[in-house]
């Protein structure tokens, strides 16, 4: 049996792209910017204790 380790690639792209896409939505579908910031603030990066062999942050 061959086991491949899992790697996690994390990017910060969403913090830039999400507000831009939000501004392009129809007026009745725009999400409050503070709500978007709150979601990103609540996100926690995964850790090795979750079973990943490596966590790589890509700028």
PDB file of N, CA and C in Angstrom:
ATOM      1  N   UNK A   1       0.854  -1.184   0.000  1.00  0.00           N
ATOM      2  CA  UNK A   1       0.000   0.000   0.000  1.00  0.00           C
ATOM      3  C   UNK A   1       0.892   1.237   0.000  1.00  0.00           C
ATOM      4  N   UNK A   2       0.580   2.179  -0.865  1.00  0.00           N
ATOM      5  CA  UNK A   2       1.351   3.421  -0.966  1.00  0.00           C
ATOM      6  C   UNK A   2       0.499   4.579  -0.442  1.00  0.00           C
ATOM      7  N   UNK A   3       1.047   5.342   0.474  1.00  0.00           N
ATOM      8  CA  UNK A   3       0.317   6.476   1.046  1.00  0.00           C
ATOM      9  C   UNK A   3       1.004   7.768   0.632  1.00  0.00           C
ATOM     10  N   UNK A   4       0.240   8.662   0.020  1.00  0.00           N
ATOM     11  CA  UNK A   4       0.760   9.978  -0.347  1.00  0.00           C
ATOM     12  C   UNK A   4       0.382  10.971   0.735  1.00  0.00           C
ATOM     13  N   UNK A   5       1.337  11.749   1.225  1.00  0.00           N
ATOM     14  CA  UNK A   5       1.008  12.753   2.240  1.00  0.00           C
ATOM     15  C   UNK A   5       0.199  13.893   1.628  1.00  0.00           C
ATOM     16  N   UNK A   6      -0.707  14.444   2.396  1.00  0.00           N
ATOM     17  CA  UNK A   6      -1.513  15.580   1.946  1.00  0.00           C
ATOM     18  C   UNK A   6      -0.806  16.880   2.292  1.00  0.00           C
ATOM     19  N   UNK A   7      -0.793  17.787   1.328  1.00  0.00           N
ATOM     20  CA  UNK A   7      -0.225  19.115   1.526  1.00  0.00           C
ATOM     21  C   UNK A   7      -1.356  20.122   1.358  1.00  0.00           C
ATOM     22  N   UNK A   8      -1.292  21.201   2.089  1.00  0.00           N
ATOM     23  CA  UNK A   8      -2.318  22.242   2.009  1.00  0.00           C
ATOM     24  C   UNK A   8      -1.661  23.513   1.508  1.00  0.00           C
ATOM     25  N   UNK A   9      -2.154  24.050   0.389  1.00  0.00           N
ATOM     26  CA  UNK A   9      -1.677  25.329  -0.138  1.00  0.00           C
ATOM     27  C   UNK A   9      -2.684  26.394   0.233  1.00  0.00           C
ATOM     28  N   UNK A  10      -2.234  27.385   0.961  1.00  0.00           N
ATOM     29  CA  UNK A  10      -3.115  28.461   1.405  1.00  0.00           C
ATOM     30  C   UNK A  10      -2.720  29.749   0.701  1.00  0.00           C
ATOM     31  N   UNK A  11      -3.714  30.435   0.136  1.00  0.00           N
ATOM     32  CA  UNK A  11      -3.457  31.721  -0.513  1.00  0.00           C
ATOM     33  C   UNK A  11      -4.256  32.815   0.173  1.00  0.00           C
ATOM     34  N   UNK A  12      -3.822  34.024  -0.021  1.00  0.00           N
ATOM     35  CA  UNK A  12      -4.514  35.181   0.544  1.00  0.00           C
ATOM     36  C   UNK A  12      -5.307  35.910  -0.539  1.00  0.00           C
ATOM     37  N   UNK A  13      -5.451  35.273  -1.696  1.00  0.00           N
ATOM     38  CA  UNK A  13      -6.111  35.895  -2.843  1.00  0.00           C
ATOM     39  C   UNK A  13      -7.522  36.356  -2.517  1.00  0.00           C
ATOM     40  N   UNK A  14      -8.251  35.593  -1.744  1.00  0.00           N
ATOM     41  CA  UNK A  14      -9.639  35.920  -1.436  1.00  0.00           C
ATOM     42  C   UNK A  14      -9.816  37.267  -0.765  1.00  0.00           C
ATOM     43  N   UNK A  15      -8.841  37.679   0.011  1.00  0.00           N
ATOM     44  CA  UNK A  15      -8.944  38.967   0.699  1.00  0.00           C
ATOM     45  C   UNK A  15      -8.931  40.136  -0.278  1.00  0.00           C
ATOM     46  N   UNK A  16      -8.364  39.925  -1.455  1.00  0.00           N
ATOM     47  CA  UNK A  16      -8.334  40.970  -2.483  1.00  0.00           C
ATOM     48  C   UNK A  16      -9.493  40.790  -3.456  1.00  0.00           C
ATOM     49  N   UNK A  17      -9.694  39.569  -3.899  1.00  0.00           N
ATOM     50  CA  UNK A  17     -10.682  39.273  -4.935  1.00  0.00           C
ATOM     51  C   UNK A  17     -12.116  39.406  -4.426  1.00  0.00           C
ATOM     52  N   UNK A  18     -12.384  38.950  -3.218  1.00  0.00           N
ATOM     53  CA  UNK A  18     -13.749  38.949  -2.694  1.00  0.00           C
ATOM     54  C   UNK A  18     -14.368  40.342  -2.648  1.00  0.00           C
ATOM     55  N   UNK A  19     -13.702  41.354  -2.071  1.00  0.00           N
ATOM     56  CA  UNK A  19     -14.314  42.693  -2.074  1.00  0.00           C
ATOM     57  C   UNK A  19     -14.517  43.252  -3.488  1.00  0.00           C
ATOM     58  N   UNK A  20     -13.577  42.948  -4.397  1.00  0.00           N
ATOM     59  CA  UNK A  20     -13.721  43.417  -5.782  1.00  0.00           C
ATOM     60  C   UNK A  20     -14.960  42.804  -6.428  1.00  0.00           C
ATOM     61  N   UNK A  21     -15.132  41.519  -6.265  1.00  0.00           N
ATOM     62  CA  UNK A  21     -16.302  40.840  -6.844  1.00  0.00           C
ATOM     63  C   UNK A  21     -17.590  41.309  -6.181  1.00  0.00           C
ATOM     64  N   UNK A  22     -17.523  41.564  -4.893  1.00  0.00           N
ATOM     65  CA  UNK A  22     -18.698  42.037  -4.167  1.00  0.00           C
ATOM     66  C   UNK A  22     -19.178  43.372  -4.740  1.00  0.00           C
ATOM     67  N   UNK A  23     -18.238  44.262  -5.031  1.00  0.00           N
ATOM     68  CA  UNK A  23     -18.600  45.579  -5.589  1.00  0.00           C
ATOM     69  C   UNK A  23     -19.230  45.461  -6.972  1.00  0.00           C
ATOM     70  N   UNK A  24     -18.947  44.365  -7.677  1.00  0.00           N
ATOM     71  CA  UNK A  24     -19.514  44.157  -9.006  1.00  0.00           C
ATOM     72  C   UNK A  24     -20.878  43.486  -8.994  1.00  0.00           C
ATOM     73  N   UNK A  25     -21.393  43.164  -7.832  1.00  0.00           N
ATOM     74  CA  UNK A  25     -22.702  42.514  -7.729  1.00  0.00           C
ATOM     75  C   UNK A  25     -23.825  43.524  -7.957  1.00  0.00           C
ATOM     76  N   UNK A  26     -25.009  43.020  -8.291  1.00  0.00           N
ATOM     77  CA  UNK A  26     -26.171  43.915  -8.356  1.00  0.00           C
ATOM     78  C   UNK A  26     -26.387  44.545  -6.973  1.00  0.00           C
ATOM     79  N   UNK A  27     -26.888  45.774  -6.935  1.00  0.00           N
ATOM     80  CA  UNK A  27     -27.040  46.481  -5.650  1.00  0.00           C
ATOM     81  C   UNK A  27     -27.779  45.698  -4.568  1.00  0.00           C
ATOM     82  N   UNK A  28     -28.760  44.905  -4.948  1.00  0.00           N
ATOM     83  CA  UNK A  28     -29.527  44.168  -3.936  1.00  0.00           C
ATOM     84  C   UNK A  28     -28.832  42.883  -3.472  1.00  0.00           C
ATOM     85  N   UNK A  29     -27.651  42.581  -4.030  1.00  0.00           N
ATOM     86  CA  UNK A  29     -26.908  41.381  -3.643  1.00  0.00           C
ATOM     87  C   UNK A  29     -25.560  41.698  -2.998  1.00  0.00           C
ATOM     88  N   UNK A  30     -25.246  42.975  -2.811  1.00  0.00           N
ATOM     89  CA  UNK A  30     -23.965  43.361  -2.217  1.00  0.00           C
ATOM     90  C   UNK A  30     -23.949  42.994  -0.739  1.00  0.00           C
ATOM     91  N   UNK A  31     -22.854  42.372  -0.318  1.00  0.00           N
ATOM     92  CA  UNK A  31     -22.663  41.976   1.077  1.00  0.00           C
ATOM     93  C   UNK A  31     -21.921  43.103   1.788  1.00  0.00           C
ATOM     94  N   UNK A  32     -22.327  43.393   3.012  1.00  0.00           N
ATOM     95  CA  UNK A  32     -21.677  44.437   3.796  1.00  0.00           C
ATOM     96  C   UNK A  32     -20.179  44.130   3.922  1.00  0.00           C
ATOM     97  N   UNK A  33     -19.337  45.134   3.650  1.00  0.00           N
ATOM     98  CA  UNK A  33     -17.879  44.938   3.682  1.00  0.00           C
ATOM     99  C   UNK A  33     -17.401  44.468   5.052  1.00  0.00           C
ATOM    100  N   UNK A  34     -18.022  44.951   6.118  1.00  0.00           N
ATOM    101  CA  UNK A  34     -17.616  44.526   7.460  1.00  0.00           C
ATOM    102  C   UNK A  34     -17.902  43.038   7.656  1.00  0.00           C
ATOM    103  N   UNK A  35     -18.987  42.560   7.095  1.00  0.00           N
ATOM    104  CA  UNK A  35     -19.307  41.130   7.192  1.00  0.00           C
ATOM    105  C   UNK A  35     -18.229  40.296   6.498  1.00  0.00           C
ATOM    106  N   UNK A  36     -17.761  40.766   5.363  1.00  0.00           N
ATOM    107  CA  UNK A  36     -16.690  40.065   4.645  1.00  0.00           C
ATOM    108  C   UNK A  36     -15.419  40.057   5.485  1.00  0.00           C
ATOM    109  N   UNK A  37     -15.065  41.199   6.058  1.00  0.00           N
ATOM    110  CA  UNK A  37     -13.867  41.273   6.909  1.00  0.00           C
ATOM    111  C   UNK A  37     -14.003  40.350   8.116  1.00  0.00           C
ATOM    112  N   UNK A  38     -15.206  40.269   8.689  1.00  0.00           N
ATOM    113  CA  UNK A  38     -15.430  39.394   9.847  1.00  0.00           C
ATOM    114  C   UNK A  38     -15.197  37.923   9.498  1.00  0.00           C
ATOM    115  N   UNK A  39     -15.639  37.521   8.317  1.00  0.00           N
ATOM    116  CA  UNK A  39     -15.450  36.130   7.900  1.00  0.00           C
ATOM    117  C   UNK A  39     -13.961  35.824   7.757  1.00  0.00           C
ATOM    118  N   UNK A  40     -13.225  36.725   7.105  1.00  0.00           N
ATOM    119  CA  UNK A  40     -11.791  36.494   6.950  1.00  0.00           C
ATOM    120  C   UNK A  40     -11.077  36.510   8.297  1.00  0.00           C
ATOM    121  N   UNK A  41     -11.504  37.353   9.218  1.00  0.00           N
ATOM    122  CA  UNK A  41     -10.882  37.410  10.545  1.00  0.00           C
ATOM    123  C   UNK A  41     -11.132  36.123  11.331  1.00  0.00           C
ATOM    124  N   UNK A  42     -12.265  35.477  11.086  1.00  0.00           N
ATOM    125  CA  UNK A  42     -12.612  34.259  11.822  1.00  0.00           C
ATOM    126  C   UNK A  42     -11.935  33.007  11.255  1.00  0.00           C
ATOM    127  N   UNK A  43     -11.424  33.105  10.042  1.00  0.00           N
ATOM    128  CA  UNK A  43     -10.794  31.942   9.418  1.00  0.00           C
ATOM    129  C   UNK A  43      -9.470  31.621  10.103  1.00  0.00           C
ATOM    130  N   UNK A  44      -9.258  30.352  10.347  1.00  0.00           N
ATOM    131  CA  UNK A  44      -8.008  29.887  10.947  1.00  0.00           C
ATOM    132  C   UNK A  44      -7.302  28.976   9.950  1.00  0.00           C
ATOM    133  N   UNK A  45      -6.014  29.188   9.747  1.00  0.00           N
ATOM    134  CA  UNK A  45      -5.301  28.307   8.822  1.00  0.00           C
ATOM    135  C   UNK A  45      -5.222  26.892   9.390  1.00  0.00           C
ATOM    136  N   UNK A  46      -5.167  25.899   8.512  1.00  0.00           N
ATOM    137  CA  UNK A  46      -5.062  24.525   8.991  1.00  0.00           C
ATOM    138  C   UNK A  46      -3.691  24.283   9.611  1.00  0.00           C
ATOM    139  N   UNK A  47      -3.614  23.268  10.421  1.00  0.00           N
ATOM    140  CA  UNK A  47      -2.349  22.936  11.063  1.00  0.00           C
ATOM    141  C   UNK A  47      -1.929  21.516  10.764  1.00  0.00           C
ATOM    142  N   UNK A  48      -0.701  21.226  11.090  1.00  0.00           N
ATOM    143  CA  UNK A  48      -0.188  19.876  10.888  1.00  0.00           C
ATOM    144  C   UNK A  48      -0.947  18.864  11.736  1.00  0.00           C
ATOM    145  N   UNK A  49      -1.515  19.344  12.850  1.00  0.00           N
ATOM    146  CA  UNK A  49      -2.276  18.453  13.732  1.00  0.00           C
ATOM    147  C   UNK A  49      -3.571  17.965  13.087  1.00  0.00           C
ATOM    148  N   UNK A  50      -3.921  18.527  11.923  1.00  0.00           N
ATOM    149  CA  UNK A  50      -5.123  18.097  11.206  1.00  0.00           C
ATOM    150  C   UNK A  50      -4.803  17.020  10.175  1.00  0.00           C
ATOM    151  N   UNK A  51      -3.562  16.557  10.179  1.00  0.00           N
ATOM    152  CA  UNK A  51      -3.195  15.458   9.298  1.00  0.00           C
ATOM    153  C   UNK A  51      -2.444  15.851   8.045  1.00  0.00           C
ATOM    154  N   UNK A  52      -2.161  17.130   7.867  1.00  0.00           N
ATOM    155  CA  UNK A  52      -1.406  17.557   6.694  1.00  0.00           C
ATOM    156  C   UNK A  52       0.082  17.313   6.919  1.00  0.00           C
ATOM    157  N   UNK A  53       0.770  16.883   5.870  1.00  0.00           N
ATOM    158  CA  UNK A  53       2.213  16.689   5.956  1.00  0.00           C
ATOM    159  C   UNK A  53       2.921  18.034   5.931  1.00  0.00           C
ATOM    160  N   UNK A  54       2.297  19.003   5.256  1.00  0.00           N
ATOM    161  CA  UNK A  54       2.901  20.327   5.131  1.00  0.00           C
ATOM    162  C   UNK A  54       1.807  21.344   4.833  1.00  0.00           C
ATOM    163  N   UNK A  55       1.925  22.523   5.416  1.00  0.00           N
ATOM    164  CA  UNK A  55       1.036  23.643   5.124  1.00  0.00           C
ATOM    165  C   UNK A  55       1.907  24.719   4.488  1.00  0.00           C
ATOM    166  N   UNK A  56       1.574  25.100   3.258  1.00  0.00           N
ATOM    167  CA  UNK A  56       2.375  26.067   2.508  1.00  0.00           C
ATOM    168  C   UNK A  56       1.535  27.304   2.267  1.00  0.00           C
ATOM    169  N   UNK A  57       2.041  28.462   2.683  1.00  0.00           N
ATOM    170  CA  UNK A  57       1.344  29.721   2.438  1.00  0.00           C
ATOM    171  C   UNK A  57       1.937  30.360   1.190  1.00  0.00           C
ATOM    172  N   UNK A  58       1.085  30.597   0.202  1.00  0.00           N
ATOM    173  CA  UNK A  58       1.501  31.173  -1.070  1.00  0.00           C
ATOM    174  C   UNK A  58       1.084  32.632  -1.089  1.00  0.00           C
ATOM    175  N   UNK A  59       2.042  33.516  -1.333  1.00  0.00           N
ATOM    176  CA  UNK A  59       1.749  34.957  -1.354  1.00  0.00           C
ATOM    177  C   UNK A  59       1.167  35.369  -2.681  1.00  0.00           C
TER     178      UNK A  59
END
